[in-house]
């Protein structure tokens, strides 16, 4: 998963949360992300491009400390 903006991510289907750690060191959790959207993100070749086009601005989110990263 090489990406210039995303270091790692995790999706929790039970809660619909997509946890994204960016290369900047910031961590955001996006809520109510449907499984299909998470699967498309996981399968995307260009993770950053897909994130910007299909996730950012479409789902509620909150910034969380990196220390509790999943």
Protein backbone atom coordinates (compact mmCIF):
# COMPACT_ATOMS: atom_id res chain seq x y z
CA UNK A 1 0.00 0.00 0.00
CA UNK A 2 2.51 2.67 -0.93
CA UNK A 3 0.94 6.11 -0.63
CA UNK A 4 2.40 9.57 -0.34
CA UNK A 5 -0.34 10.73 2.07
CA UNK A 6 -1.62 7.64 3.90
CA UNK A 7 0.64 5.70 6.24
CA UNK A 8 -1.94 3.07 7.26
CA UNK A 9 -5.64 2.50 7.73
CA UNK A 10 -8.00 0.09 9.41
CA UNK A 11 -11.71 -0.51 8.89
CA UNK A 12 -13.99 -1.83 11.61
CA UNK A 13 -17.08 -3.21 9.92
CA UNK A 14 -18.99 -3.62 13.20
CA UNK A 15 -18.88 0.14 13.82
CA UNK A 16 -18.41 1.41 10.26
CA UNK A 17 -15.30 3.34 11.33
CA UNK A 18 -12.44 3.91 8.93
CA UNK A 19 -9.33 4.82 10.92
CA UNK A 20 -6.73 6.61 8.79
CA UNK A 21 -3.21 7.60 9.82
CA UNK A 22 -1.67 10.12 7.45
CA UNK A 23 2.01 10.59 6.70
CA UNK A 24 1.74 13.98 8.44
CA UNK A 25 1.24 12.06 11.70
CA UNK A 26 -2.40 13.06 12.03
CA UNK A 27 -5.05 10.43 12.62
CA UNK A 28 -8.72 10.73 11.69
CA UNK A 29 -11.59 8.34 12.20
CA UNK A 30 -14.37 8.52 9.59
CA UNK A 31 -17.78 7.33 10.80
CA UNK A 32 -20.60 5.45 9.08
CA UNK A 33 -18.43 4.33 6.17
CA UNK A 34 -20.27 1.52 4.37
CA UNK A 35 -18.41 -1.76 3.82
CA UNK A 36 -18.51 -1.24 0.04
CA UNK A 37 -16.75 2.13 0.36
CA UNK A 38 -14.09 0.64 2.63
CA UNK A 39 -13.56 -2.29 0.25
CA UNK A 40 -13.16 0.06 -2.72
CA UNK A 41 -10.63 2.11 -0.73
CA UNK A 42 -8.71 -1.03 0.23
CA UNK A 43 -8.66 -2.20 -3.42
CA UNK A 44 -7.68 1.17 -4.89
CA UNK A 45 -4.21 1.34 -6.43
CA UNK A 46 -3.81 5.05 -5.62
CA UNK A 47 -5.02 5.24 -2.01
CA UNK A 48 -4.56 9.00 -1.64
CA UNK A 49 -6.38 9.79 -4.86
CA UNK A 50 -9.23 7.44 -3.98
CA UNK A 51 -9.45 8.86 -0.45
CA UNK A 52 -9.66 12.43 -1.73
CA UNK A 53 -12.29 11.58 -4.35
CA UNK A 54 -14.50 9.19 -2.39
CA UNK A 55 -14.03 9.56 1.37
CA UNK A 56 -12.83 13.04 2.34
CA UNK A 57 -15.81 15.37 2.64
CA UNK A 58 -18.39 12.57 2.43
CA UNK A 59 -18.30 11.13 5.94
CA UNK A 60 -18.32 12.65 9.41
CA UNK A 61 -14.93 12.42 11.09
CA UNK A 62 -12.98 13.32 14.17
CA UNK A 63 -9.29 13.72 14.82
CA UNK A 64 -7.91 11.31 17.39
CA UNK A 65 -4.54 11.02 19.07
CA UNK A 66 -2.08 8.74 17.33
CA UNK A 67 -1.33 7.01 20.64
CA UNK A 68 -4.69 5.15 20.55
CA UNK A 69 -4.27 4.04 16.94
CA UNK A 70 -5.65 0.60 16.22
